[in-house]
């Protein structure tokens, strides 16, 4: 039961952090959509990457395919060009990486 609770808690925290990062980056790029669009982008991204890793394993191919499909999702959600979606995605990935360095892990000793 504790493992399930920690998994769900970890998912919720990751979803909240991802949503905030996506929203902030979208605002930096002067997009008008609100936090709801960022939440949808975070959920869709999670689904896309889960399916990509399930189909193709943990390798580079899954990451590349998942990334391309997520760019398509960003392009559709924010009604932007491929290049703008790529720029937004790169900034999101960089900020998420930085946030990951500073946030404590949920699986560590509590």
PDB file of N, CA and C in Angstrom:
ATOM      1  N   UNK A   1       0.817  -1.193   0.000  1.00  0.00           N
ATOM      2  CA  UNK A   1       0.000   0.000   0.000  1.00  0.00           C
ATOM      3  C   UNK A   1       0.865   1.262   0.000  1.00  0.00           C
ATOM      4  N   UNK A   2       1.954   1.233   0.766  1.00  0.00           N
ATOM      5  CA  UNK A   2       2.830   2.403   0.842  1.00  0.00           C
ATOM      6  C   UNK A   2       3.474   2.689  -0.510  1.00  0.00           C
ATOM      7  N   UNK A   3       3.847   1.634  -1.258  1.00  0.00           N
ATOM      8  CA  UNK A   3       4.437   1.835  -2.579  1.00  0.00           C
ATOM      9  C   UNK A   3       3.451   2.503  -3.524  1.00  0.00           C
ATOM     10  N   UNK A   4       2.203   2.065  -3.496  1.00  0.00           N
ATOM     11  CA  UNK A   4       1.177   2.659  -4.348  1.00  0.00           C
ATOM     12  C   UNK A   4       0.947   4.115  -3.972  1.00  0.00           C
ATOM     13  N   UNK A   5       0.877   4.391  -2.688  1.00  0.00           N
ATOM     14  CA  UNK A   5       0.673   5.764  -2.219  1.00  0.00           C
ATOM     15  C   UNK A   5       1.824   6.659  -2.664  1.00  0.00           C
ATOM     16  N   UNK A   6       3.048   6.183  -2.518  1.00  0.00           N
ATOM     17  CA  UNK A   6       4.212   6.974  -2.920  1.00  0.00           C
ATOM     18  C   UNK A   6       4.246   7.179  -4.433  1.00  0.00           C
ATOM     19  N   UNK A   7       3.844   6.169  -5.195  1.00  0.00           N
ATOM     20  CA  UNK A   7       3.800   6.299  -6.649  1.00  0.00           C
ATOM     21  C   UNK A   7       2.784   7.350  -7.064  1.00  0.00           C
ATOM     22  N   UNK A   8       1.598   7.293  -6.480  1.00  0.00           N
ATOM     23  CA  UNK A   8       0.549   8.269  -6.797  1.00  0.00           C
ATOM     24  C   UNK A   8       0.985   9.665  -6.363  1.00  0.00           C
ATOM     25  N   UNK A   9       1.548   9.778  -5.168  1.00  0.00           N
ATOM     26  CA  UNK A   9       2.025  11.069  -4.680  1.00  0.00           C
ATOM     27  C   UNK A   9       3.123  11.617  -5.587  1.00  0.00           C
ATOM     28  N   UNK A  10       4.047  10.762  -5.974  1.00  0.00           N
ATOM     29  CA  UNK A  10       5.120  11.175  -6.880  1.00  0.00           C
ATOM     30  C   UNK A  10       4.585  11.651  -8.216  1.00  0.00           C
ATOM     31  N   UNK A  11       3.582  10.936  -8.741  1.00  0.00           N
ATOM     32  CA  UNK A  11       2.964  11.331 -10.005  1.00  0.00           C
ATOM     33  C   UNK A  11       2.302  12.696  -9.882  1.00  0.00           C
ATOM     34  N   UNK A  12       1.567  12.907  -8.800  1.00  0.00           N
ATOM     35  CA  UNK A  12       0.859  14.182  -8.607  1.00  0.00           C
ATOM     36  C   UNK A  12       1.849  15.340  -8.468  1.00  0.00           C
ATOM     37  N   UNK A  13       2.899  15.142  -7.689  1.00  0.00           N
ATOM     38  CA  UNK A  13       3.911  16.194  -7.524  1.00  0.00           C
ATOM     39  C   UNK A  13       4.587  16.489  -8.863  1.00  0.00           C
ATOM     40  N   UNK A  14       4.952  15.439  -9.594  1.00  0.00           N
ATOM     41  CA  UNK A  14       5.593  15.627 -10.900  1.00  0.00           C
ATOM     42  C   UNK A  14       4.659  16.342 -11.872  1.00  0.00           C
ATOM     43  N   UNK A  15       3.387  16.005 -11.828  1.00  0.00           N
ATOM     44  CA  UNK A  15       2.406  16.644 -12.706  1.00  0.00           C
ATOM     45  C   UNK A  15       2.254  18.128 -12.370  1.00  0.00           C
ATOM     46  N   UNK A  16       2.214  18.447 -11.085  1.00  0.00           N
ATOM     47  CA  UNK A  16       2.106  19.849 -10.659  1.00  0.00           C
ATOM     48  C   UNK A  16       3.342  20.632 -11.090  1.00  0.00           C
ATOM     49  N   UNK A  17       4.521  20.072 -10.847  1.00  0.00           N
ATOM     50  CA  UNK A  17       5.764  20.751 -11.227  1.00  0.00           C
ATOM     51  C   UNK A  17       5.827  20.931 -12.744  1.00  0.00           C
ATOM     52  N   UNK A  18       5.502  19.878 -13.494  1.00  0.00           N
ATOM     53  CA  UNK A  18       5.517  19.969 -14.959  1.00  0.00           C
ATOM     54  C   UNK A  18       4.544  21.021 -15.460  1.00  0.00           C
ATOM     55  N   UNK A  19       3.352  21.048 -14.881  1.00  0.00           N
ATOM     56  CA  UNK A  19       2.341  22.027 -15.285  1.00  0.00           C
ATOM     57  C   UNK A  19       2.841  23.447 -15.058  1.00  0.00           C
ATOM     58  N   UNK A  20       3.415  23.696 -13.897  1.00  0.00           N
ATOM     59  CA  UNK A  20       3.918  25.039 -13.583  1.00  0.00           C
ATOM     60  C   UNK A  20       5.051  25.427 -14.527  1.00  0.00           C
ATOM     61  N   UNK A  21       5.971  24.499 -14.785  1.00  0.00           N
ATOM     62  CA  UNK A  21       7.090  24.789 -15.691  1.00  0.00           C
ATOM     63  C   UNK A  21       6.575  25.089 -17.094  1.00  0.00           C
ATOM     64  N   UNK A  22       5.667  24.265 -17.603  1.00  0.00           N
ATOM     65  CA  UNK A  22       5.111  24.487 -18.944  1.00  0.00           C
ATOM     66  C   UNK A  22       4.401  25.839 -19.004  1.00  0.00           C
ATOM     67  N   UNK A  23       3.620  26.152 -17.987  1.00  0.00           N
ATOM     68  CA  UNK A  23       2.888  27.424 -17.958  1.00  0.00           C
ATOM     69  C   UNK A  23       3.842  28.621 -17.950  1.00  0.00           C
ATOM     70  N   UNK A  24       4.874  28.563 -17.102  1.00  0.00           N
ATOM     71  CA  UNK A  24       5.845  29.661 -17.016  1.00  0.00           C
ATOM     72  C   UNK A  24       6.562  29.844 -18.353  1.00  0.00           C
ATOM     73  N   UNK A  25       7.012  28.743 -18.948  1.00  0.00           N
ATOM     74  CA  UNK A  25       7.722  28.844 -20.229  1.00  0.00           C
ATOM     75  C   UNK A  25       6.791  29.379 -21.317  1.00  0.00           C
ATOM     76  N   UNK A  26       5.553  28.909 -21.337  1.00  0.00           N
ATOM     77  CA  UNK A  26       4.594  29.420 -22.327  1.00  0.00           C
ATOM     78  C   UNK A  26       4.401  30.928 -22.156  1.00  0.00           C
ATOM     79  N   UNK A  27       4.332  31.390 -20.918  1.00  0.00           N
ATOM     80  CA  UNK A  27       4.193  32.829 -20.665  1.00  0.00           C
ATOM     81  C   UNK A  27       5.447  33.590 -21.103  1.00  0.00           C
ATOM     82  N   UNK A  28       6.627  32.996 -20.899  1.00  0.00           N
ATOM     83  CA  UNK A  28       7.865  33.628 -21.359  1.00  0.00           C
ATOM     84  C   UNK A  28       7.859  33.805 -22.878  1.00  0.00           C
ATOM     85  N   UNK A  29       7.209  32.875 -23.567  1.00  0.00           N
ATOM     86  CA  UNK A  29       7.087  32.950 -25.024  1.00  0.00           C
ATOM     87  C   UNK A  29       5.830  33.719 -25.449  1.00  0.00           C
ATOM     88  N   UNK A  30       5.205  34.392 -24.500  1.00  0.00           N
ATOM     89  CA  UNK A  30       4.038  35.252 -24.736  1.00  0.00           C
ATOM     90  C   UNK A  30       2.822  34.510 -25.293  1.00  0.00           C
ATOM     91  N   UNK A  31       2.665  33.266 -24.866  1.00  0.00           N
ATOM     92  CA  UNK A  31       1.470  32.515 -25.249  1.00  0.00           C
ATOM     93  C   UNK A  31       0.328  32.943 -24.339  1.00  0.00           C
ATOM     94  N   UNK A  32      -0.891  32.943 -24.850  1.00  0.00           N
ATOM     95  CA  UNK A  32      -2.045  33.447 -24.102  1.00  0.00           C
ATOM     96  C   UNK A  32      -2.782  32.368 -23.316  1.00  0.00           C
ATOM     97  N   UNK A  33      -2.553  31.124 -23.656  1.00  0.00           N
ATOM     98  CA  UNK A  33      -3.281  30.047 -22.989  1.00  0.00           C
ATOM     99  C   UNK A  33      -2.941  30.025 -21.499  1.00  0.00           C
ATOM    100  N   UNK A  34      -3.885  29.533 -20.709  1.00  0.00           N
ATOM    101  CA  UNK A  34      -3.727  29.538 -19.264  1.00  0.00           C
ATOM    102  C   UNK A  34      -3.121  28.265 -18.710  1.00  0.00           C
ATOM    103  N   UNK A  35      -3.223  28.140 -17.405  1.00  0.00           N
ATOM    104  CA  UNK A  35      -2.649  26.998 -16.697  1.00  0.00           C
ATOM    105  C   UNK A  35      -3.354  25.695 -17.066  1.00  0.00           C
ATOM    106  N   UNK A  36      -4.623  25.788 -17.463  1.00  0.00           N
ATOM    107  CA  UNK A  36      -5.352  24.592 -17.882  1.00  0.00           C
ATOM    108  C   UNK A  36      -4.727  23.945 -19.104  1.00  0.00           C
ATOM    109  N   UNK A  37      -4.296  24.757 -20.058  1.00  0.00           N
ATOM    110  CA  UNK A  37      -3.622  24.228 -21.247  1.00  0.00           C
ATOM    111  C   UNK A  37      -2.294  23.597 -20.860  1.00  0.00           C
ATOM    112  N   UNK A  38      -1.594  24.211 -19.917  1.00  0.00           N
ATOM    113  CA  UNK A  38      -0.328  23.649 -19.443  1.00  0.00           C
ATOM    114  C   UNK A  38      -0.563  22.303 -18.757  1.00  0.00           C
ATOM    115  N   UNK A  39      -1.640  22.193 -17.978  1.00  0.00           N
ATOM    116  CA  UNK A  39      -1.974  20.923 -17.329  1.00  0.00           C
ATOM    117  C   UNK A  39      -2.276  19.855 -18.378  1.00  0.00           C
ATOM    118  N   UNK A  40      -3.042  20.219 -19.392  1.00  0.00           N
ATOM    119  CA  UNK A  40      -3.348  19.264 -20.464  1.00  0.00           C
ATOM    120  C   UNK A  40      -2.065  18.849 -21.180  1.00  0.00           C
ATOM    121  N   UNK A  41      -1.163  19.801 -21.438  1.00  0.00           N
ATOM    122  CA  UNK A  41       0.111  19.489 -22.084  1.00  0.00           C
ATOM    123  C   UNK A  41       0.940  18.535 -21.227  1.00  0.00           C
ATOM    124  N   UNK A  42       0.931  18.738 -19.916  1.00  0.00           N
ATOM    125  CA  UNK A  42       1.675  17.856 -19.009  1.00  0.00           C
ATOM    126  C   UNK A  42       1.082  16.450 -19.003  1.00  0.00           C
ATOM    127  N   UNK A  43      -0.235  16.354 -18.963  1.00  0.00           N
ATOM    128  CA  UNK A  43      -0.893  15.041 -18.966  1.00  0.00           C
ATOM    129  C   UNK A  43      -0.654  14.334 -20.294  1.00  0.00           C
ATOM    130  N   UNK A  44      -0.830  15.057 -21.403  1.00  0.00           N
ATOM    131  CA  UNK A  44      -0.606  14.459 -22.717  1.00  0.00           C
ATOM    132  C   UNK A  44       0.850  14.024 -22.860  1.00  0.00           C
ATOM    133  N   UNK A  45       1.772  14.849 -22.390  1.00  0.00           N
ATOM    134  CA  UNK A  45       3.188  14.481 -22.438  1.00  0.00           C
ATOM    135  C   UNK A  45       3.475  13.210 -21.662  1.00  0.00           C
ATOM    136  N   UNK A  46       2.877  13.079 -20.495  1.00  0.00           N
ATOM    137  CA  UNK A  46       3.050  11.869 -19.690  1.00  0.00           C
ATOM    138  C   UNK A  46       2.524  10.649 -20.430  1.00  0.00           C
ATOM    139  N   UNK A  47       1.356  10.779 -21.022  1.00  0.00           N
ATOM    140  CA  UNK A  47       0.761   9.665 -21.770  1.00  0.00           C
ATOM    141  C   UNK A  47       1.631   9.309 -22.975  1.00  0.00           C
ATOM    142  N   UNK A  48       2.072  10.320 -23.721  1.00  0.00           N
ATOM    143  CA  UNK A  48       2.896  10.086 -24.911  1.00  0.00           C
ATOM    144  C   UNK A  48       4.179   9.357 -24.546  1.00  0.00           C
ATOM    145  N   UNK A  49       4.890   9.848 -23.540  1.00  0.00           N
ATOM    146  CA  UNK A  49       6.152   9.217 -23.167  1.00  0.00           C
ATOM    147  C   UNK A  49       5.940   7.826 -22.574  1.00  0.00           C
ATOM    148  N   UNK A  50       4.870   7.629 -21.827  1.00  0.00           N
ATOM    149  CA  UNK A  50       4.579   6.299 -21.283  1.00  0.00           C
ATOM    150  C   UNK A  50       4.363   5.302 -22.411  1.00  0.00           C
ATOM    151  N   UNK A  51       3.578   5.684 -23.407  1.00  0.00           N
ATOM    152  CA  UNK A  51       3.325   4.797 -24.549  1.00  0.00           C
ATOM    153  C   UNK A  51       4.610   4.560 -25.339  1.00  0.00           C
ATOM    154  N   UNK A  52       5.391   5.611 -25.580  1.00  0.00           N
ATOM    155  CA  UNK A  52       6.637   5.468 -26.336  1.00  0.00           C
ATOM    156  C   UNK A  52       7.602   4.523 -25.627  1.00  0.00           C
ATOM    157  N   UNK A  53       7.751   4.672 -24.315  1.00  0.00           N
ATOM    158  CA  UNK A  53       8.654   3.796 -23.574  1.00  0.00           C
ATOM    159  C   UNK A  53       8.108   2.376 -23.481  1.00  0.00           C
ATOM    160  N   UNK A  54       6.805   2.230 -23.437  1.00  0.00           N
ATOM    161  CA  UNK A  54       6.199   0.901 -23.404  1.00  0.00           C
ATOM    162  C   UNK A  54       6.418   0.193 -24.739  1.00  0.00           C
ATOM    163  N   UNK A  55       6.274   0.925 -25.837  1.00  0.00           N
ATOM    164  CA  UNK A  55       6.424   0.322 -27.165  1.00  0.00           C
ATOM    165  C   UNK A  55       7.880   0.096 -27.564  1.00  0.00           C
ATOM    166  N   UNK A  56       8.763   1.032 -27.220  1.00  0.00           N
ATOM    167  CA  UNK A  56      10.130   1.002 -27.736  1.00  0.00           C
ATOM    168  C   UNK A  56      11.204   0.781 -26.675  1.00  0.00           C
ATOM    169  N   UNK A  57      10.827   0.609 -25.426  1.00  0.00           N
ATOM    170  CA  UNK A  57      11.808   0.388 -24.368  1.00  0.00           C
ATOM    171  C   UNK A  57      12.380   1.699 -23.855  1.00  0.00           C
ATOM    172  N   UNK A  58      13.457   1.588 -23.081  1.00  0.00           N
ATOM    173  CA  UNK A  58      14.039   2.764 -22.422  1.00  0.00           C
ATOM    174  C   UNK A  58      15.126   3.449 -23.242  1.00  0.00           C
ATOM    175  N   UNK A  59      15.208   3.170 -24.513  1.00  0.00           N
ATOM    176  CA  UNK A  59      16.302   3.693 -25.316  1.00  0.00           C
ATOM    177  C   UNK A  59      16.058   5.057 -25.929  1.00  0.00           C
ATOM    178  N   UNK A  60      17.018   5.441 -26.739  1.00  0.00           N
ATOM    179  CA  UNK A  60      16.986   6.728 -27.420  1.00  0.00           C
ATOM    180  C   UNK A  60      15.814   6.825 -28.396  1.00  0.00           C
ATOM    181  N   UNK A  61      15.480   5.720 -29.051  1.00  0.00           N
ATOM    182  CA  UNK A  61      14.377   5.720 -30.014  1.00  0.00           C
ATOM    183  C   UNK A  61      13.071   6.150 -29.351  1.00  0.00           C
ATOM    184  N   UNK A  62      12.797   5.615 -28.174  1.00  0.00           N
ATOM    185  CA  UNK A  62      11.573   5.983 -27.452  1.00  0.00           C
ATOM    186  C   UNK A  62      11.580   7.467 -27.098  1.00  0.00           C
ATOM    187  N   UNK A  63      12.727   7.975 -26.687  1.00  0.00           N
ATOM    188  CA  UNK A  63      12.827   9.398 -26.338  1.00  0.00           C
ATOM    189  C   UNK A  63      12.600  10.290 -27.547  1.00  0.00           C
ATOM    190  N   UNK A  64      13.194   9.926 -28.669  1.00  0.00           N
ATOM    191  CA  UNK A  64      13.053  10.738 -29.880  1.00  0.00           C
ATOM    192  C   UNK A  64      11.615  10.707 -30.383  1.00  0.00           C
ATOM    193  N   UNK A  65      11.032   9.520 -30.461  1.00  0.00           N
ATOM    194  CA  UNK A  65       9.648   9.406 -30.929  1.00  0.00           C
ATOM    195  C   UNK A  65       8.699  10.123 -29.972  1.00  0.00           C
ATOM    196  N   UNK A  66       8.881   9.917 -28.675  1.00  0.00           N
ATOM    197  CA  UNK A  66       8.054  10.610 -27.689  1.00  0.00           C
ATOM    198  C   UNK A  66       8.195  12.118 -27.801  1.00  0.00           C
ATOM    199  N   UNK A  67       9.422  12.590 -28.007  1.00  0.00           N
ATOM    200  CA  UNK A  67       9.659  14.024 -28.144  1.00  0.00           C
ATOM    201  C   UNK A  67       8.988  14.620 -29.372  1.00  0.00           C
ATOM    202  N   UNK A  68       9.062  13.913 -30.487  1.00  0.00           N
ATOM    203  CA  UNK A  68       8.426  14.401 -31.718  1.00  0.00           C
ATOM    204  C   UNK A  68       6.910  14.458 -31.554  1.00  0.00           C
ATOM    205  N   UNK A  69       6.340  13.417 -30.971  1.00  0.00           N
ATOM    206  CA  UNK A  69       4.887  13.401 -30.777  1.00  0.00           C
ATOM    207  C   UNK A  69       4.470  14.487 -29.788  1.00  0.00           C
ATOM    208  N   UNK A  70       5.284  14.715 -28.747  1.00  0.00           N
ATOM    209  CA  UNK A  70       4.964  15.772 -27.788  1.00  0.00           C
ATOM    210  C   UNK A  70       5.043  17.150 -28.449  1.00  0.00           C
ATOM    211  N   UNK A  71       6.003  17.330 -29.374  1.00  0.00           N
ATOM    212  CA  UNK A  71       6.060  18.587 -30.127  1.00  0.00           C
ATOM    213  C   UNK A  71       4.776  18.794 -30.921  1.00  0.00           C
ATOM    214  N   UNK A  72       4.275  17.724 -31.505  1.00  0.00           N
ATOM    215  CA  UNK A  72       3.007  17.797 -32.233  1.00  0.00           C
ATOM    216  C   UNK A  72       1.874  18.219 -31.291  1.00  0.00           C
ATOM    217  N   UNK A  73       1.881  17.664 -30.079  1.00  0.00           N
ATOM    218  CA  UNK A  73       0.854  18.025 -29.092  1.00  0.00           C
ATOM    219  C   UNK A  73       0.977  19.497 -28.691  1.00  0.00           C
ATOM    220  N   UNK A  74       2.195  19.960 -28.417  1.00  0.00           N
ATOM    221  CA  UNK A  74       2.401  21.375 -28.076  1.00  0.00           C
ATOM    222  C   UNK A  74       1.958  22.279 -29.221  1.00  0.00           C
ATOM    223  N   UNK A  75       2.315  21.890 -30.434  1.00  0.00           N
ATOM    224  CA  UNK A  75       1.943  22.666 -31.619  1.00  0.00           C
ATOM    225  C   UNK A  75       0.425  22.801 -31.715  1.00  0.00           C
ATOM    226  N   UNK A  76      -0.281  21.717 -31.461  1.00  0.00           N
ATOM    227  CA  UNK A  76      -1.735  21.747 -31.533  1.00  0.00           C
ATOM    228  C   UNK A  76      -2.383  22.492 -30.377  1.00  0.00           C
ATOM    229  N   UNK A  77      -1.889  22.267 -29.170  1.00  0.00           N
ATOM    230  CA  UNK A  77      -2.482  22.911 -27.995  1.00  0.00           C
ATOM    231  C   UNK A  77      -2.292  24.425 -27.997  1.00  0.00           C
ATOM    232  N   UNK A  78      -1.102  24.856 -28.383  1.00  0.00           N
ATOM    233  CA  UNK A  78      -0.794  26.285 -28.339  1.00  0.00           C
ATOM    234  C   UNK A  78      -0.950  26.975 -29.698  1.00  0.00           C
ATOM    235  N   UNK A  79      -1.310  26.188 -30.729  1.00  0.00           N
ATOM    236  CA  UNK A  79      -1.516  26.739 -32.083  1.00  0.00           C
ATOM    237  C   UNK A  79      -0.300  27.555 -32.531  1.00  0.00           C
ATOM    238  N   UNK A  80       0.863  26.879 -32.521  1.00  0.00           N
ATOM    239  CA  UNK A  80       2.134  27.517 -32.852  1.00  0.00           C
ATOM    240  C   UNK A  80       2.840  26.713 -33.939  1.00  0.00           C
ATOM    241  N   UNK A  81       3.932  27.264 -34.458  1.00  0.00           N
ATOM    242  CA  UNK A  81       4.708  26.582 -35.494  1.00  0.00           C
ATOM    243  C   UNK A  81       5.583  25.489 -34.875  1.00  0.00           C
ATOM    244  N   UNK A  82       6.128  24.633 -35.758  1.00  0.00           N
ATOM    245  CA  UNK A  82       7.035  23.582 -35.293  1.00  0.00           C
ATOM    246  C   UNK A  82       8.253  24.185 -34.600  1.00  0.00           C
ATOM    247  N   UNK A  83       8.809  25.226 -35.189  1.00  0.00           N
ATOM    248  CA  UNK A  83      10.007  25.845 -34.629  1.00  0.00           C
ATOM    249  C   UNK A  83       9.735  26.445 -33.250  1.00  0.00           C
ATOM    250  N   UNK A  84       8.615  27.098 -33.096  1.00  0.00           N
ATOM    251  CA  UNK A  84       8.245  27.674 -31.795  1.00  0.00           C
ATOM    252  C   UNK A  84       7.986  26.559 -30.782  1.00  0.00           C
ATOM    253  N   UNK A  85       7.321  25.484 -31.221  1.00  0.00           N
ATOM    254  CA  UNK A  85       7.091  24.341 -30.326  1.00  0.00           C
ATOM    255  C   UNK A  85       8.417  23.737 -29.882  1.00  0.00           C
ATOM    256  N   UNK A  86       9.367  23.632 -30.803  1.00  0.00           N
ATOM    257  CA  UNK A  86      10.688  23.097 -30.463  1.00  0.00           C
ATOM    258  C   UNK A  86      11.398  24.004 -29.465  1.00  0.00           C
ATOM    259  N   UNK A  87      11.353  25.307 -29.694  1.00  0.00           N
ATOM    260  CA  UNK A  87      11.996  26.252 -28.770  1.00  0.00           C
ATOM    261  C   UNK A  87      11.370  26.164 -27.379  1.00  0.00           C
ATOM    262  N   UNK A  88      10.052  26.124 -27.321  1.00  0.00           N
ATOM    263  CA  UNK A  88       9.362  26.009 -26.033  1.00  0.00           C
ATOM    264  C   UNK A  88       9.727  24.696 -25.349  1.00  0.00           C
ATOM    265  N   UNK A  89       9.737  23.600 -26.112  1.00  0.00           N
ATOM    266  CA  UNK A  89      10.063  22.290 -25.537  1.00  0.00           C
ATOM    267  C   UNK A  89      11.482  22.261 -24.984  1.00  0.00           C
ATOM    268  N   UNK A  90      12.426  22.842 -25.699  1.00  0.00           N
ATOM    269  CA  UNK A  90      13.816  22.863 -25.226  1.00  0.00           C
ATOM    270  C   UNK A  90      13.916  23.625 -23.909  1.00  0.00           C
ATOM    271  N   UNK A  91      13.272  24.771 -23.827  1.00  0.00           N
ATOM    272  CA  UNK A  91      13.311  25.557 -22.583  1.00  0.00           C
ATOM    273  C   UNK A  91      12.613  24.793 -21.456  1.00  0.00           C
ATOM    274  N   UNK A  92      11.491  24.139 -21.762  1.00  0.00           N
ATOM    275  CA  UNK A  92      10.795  23.331 -20.751  1.00  0.00           C
ATOM    276  C   UNK A  92      11.710  22.228 -20.244  1.00  0.00           C
ATOM    277  N   UNK A  93      12.365  21.506 -21.162  1.00  0.00           N
ATOM    278  CA  UNK A  93      13.249  20.418 -20.748  1.00  0.00           C
ATOM    279  C   UNK A  93      14.410  20.938 -19.900  1.00  0.00           C
ATOM    280  N   UNK A  94      14.987  22.084 -20.271  1.00  0.00           N
ATOM    281  CA  UNK A  94      16.091  22.644 -19.491  1.00  0.00           C
ATOM    282  C   UNK A  94      15.645  23.058 -18.088  1.00  0.00           C
ATOM    283  N   UNK A  95      14.531  23.751 -18.003  1.00  0.00           N
ATOM    284  CA  UNK A  95      14.042  24.189 -16.690  1.00  0.00           C
ATOM    285  C   UNK A  95      13.640  22.986 -15.838  1.00  0.00           C
ATOM    286  N   UNK A  96      13.008  21.999 -16.454  1.00  0.00           N
ATOM    287  CA  UNK A  96      12.632  20.793 -15.714  1.00  0.00           C
ATOM    288  C   UNK A  96      13.871  20.080 -15.184  1.00  0.00           C
ATOM    289  N   UNK A  97      14.921  20.032 -15.973  1.00  0.00           N
ATOM    290  CA  UNK A  97      16.170  19.419 -15.537  1.00  0.00           C
ATOM    291  C   UNK A  97      16.740  20.186 -14.342  1.00  0.00           C
ATOM    292  N   UNK A  98      16.729  21.521 -14.428  1.00  0.00           N
ATOM    293  CA  UNK A  98      17.226  22.332 -13.317  1.00  0.00           C
ATOM    294  C   UNK A  98      16.384  22.144 -12.057  1.00  0.00           C
ATOM    295  N   UNK A  99      15.073  22.126 -12.216  1.00  0.00           N
ATOM    296  CA  UNK A  99      14.182  21.914 -11.067  1.00  0.00           C
ATOM    297  C   UNK A  99      14.463  20.548 -10.443  1.00  0.00           C
ATOM    298  N   UNK A 100      14.693  19.547 -11.283  1.00  0.00           N
ATOM    299  CA  UNK A 100      14.983  18.205 -10.788  1.00  0.00           C
ATOM    300  C   UNK A 100      16.254  18.131  -9.958  1.00  0.00           C
ATOM    301  N   UNK A 101      17.190  19.026 -10.225  1.00  0.00           N
ATOM    302  CA  UNK A 101      18.425  19.052  -9.435  1.00  0.00           C
ATOM    303  C   UNK A 101      18.188  19.542  -8.012  1.00  0.00           C
ATOM    304  N   UNK A 102      17.181  20.402  -7.847  1.00  0.00           N
ATOM    305  CA  UNK A 102      16.969  21.038  -6.556  1.00  0.00           C
ATOM    306  C   UNK A 102      15.854  20.425  -5.718  1.00  0.00           C
ATOM    307  N   UNK A 103      14.908  19.755  -6.356  1.00  0.00           N
ATOM    308  CA  UNK A 103      13.823  19.141  -5.588  1.00  0.00           C
ATOM    309  C   UNK A 103      14.288  17.813  -5.003  1.00  0.00           C
ATOM    310  N   UNK A 104      13.934  17.539  -3.770  1.00  0.00           N
ATOM    311  CA  UNK A 104      14.302  16.241  -3.195  1.00  0.00           C
ATOM    312  C   UNK A 104      13.512  15.123  -3.870  1.00  0.00           C
ATOM    313  N   UNK A 105      14.116  13.968  -3.918  1.00  0.00           N
ATOM    314  CA  UNK A 105      13.413  12.833  -4.515  1.00  0.00           C
ATOM    315  C   UNK A 105      12.423  12.263  -3.520  1.00  0.00           C
ATOM    316  N   UNK A 106      11.327  11.756  -4.029  1.00  0.00           N
ATOM    317  CA  UNK A 106      10.309  11.171  -3.157  1.00  0.00           C
ATOM    318  C   UNK A 106      10.676   9.761  -2.716  1.00  0.00           C
ATOM    319  N   UNK A 107      11.597   9.118  -3.439  1.00  0.00           N
ATOM    320  CA  UNK A 107      11.934   7.739  -3.094  1.00  0.00           C
ATOM    321  C   UNK A 107      13.062   7.652  -2.073  1.00  0.00           C
ATOM    322  N   UNK A 108      13.665   8.763  -1.735  1.00  0.00           N
ATOM    323  CA  UNK A 108      14.752   8.764  -0.763  1.00  0.00           C
ATOM    324  C   UNK A 108      14.239   8.605   0.657  1.00  0.00           C
ATOM    325  N   UNK A 109      15.156   8.597   1.613  1.00  0.00           N
ATOM    326  CA  UNK A 109      14.732   8.434   3.010  1.00  0.00           C
ATOM    327  C   UNK A 109      13.884   9.618   3.468  1.00  0.00           C
ATOM    328  N   UNK A 110      12.754   9.316   4.046  1.00  0.00           N
ATOM    329  CA  UNK A 110      11.842  10.363   4.514  1.00  0.00           C
ATOM    330  C   UNK A 110      11.852  10.454   6.017  1.00  0.00           C
TER     331      UNK A 110
END
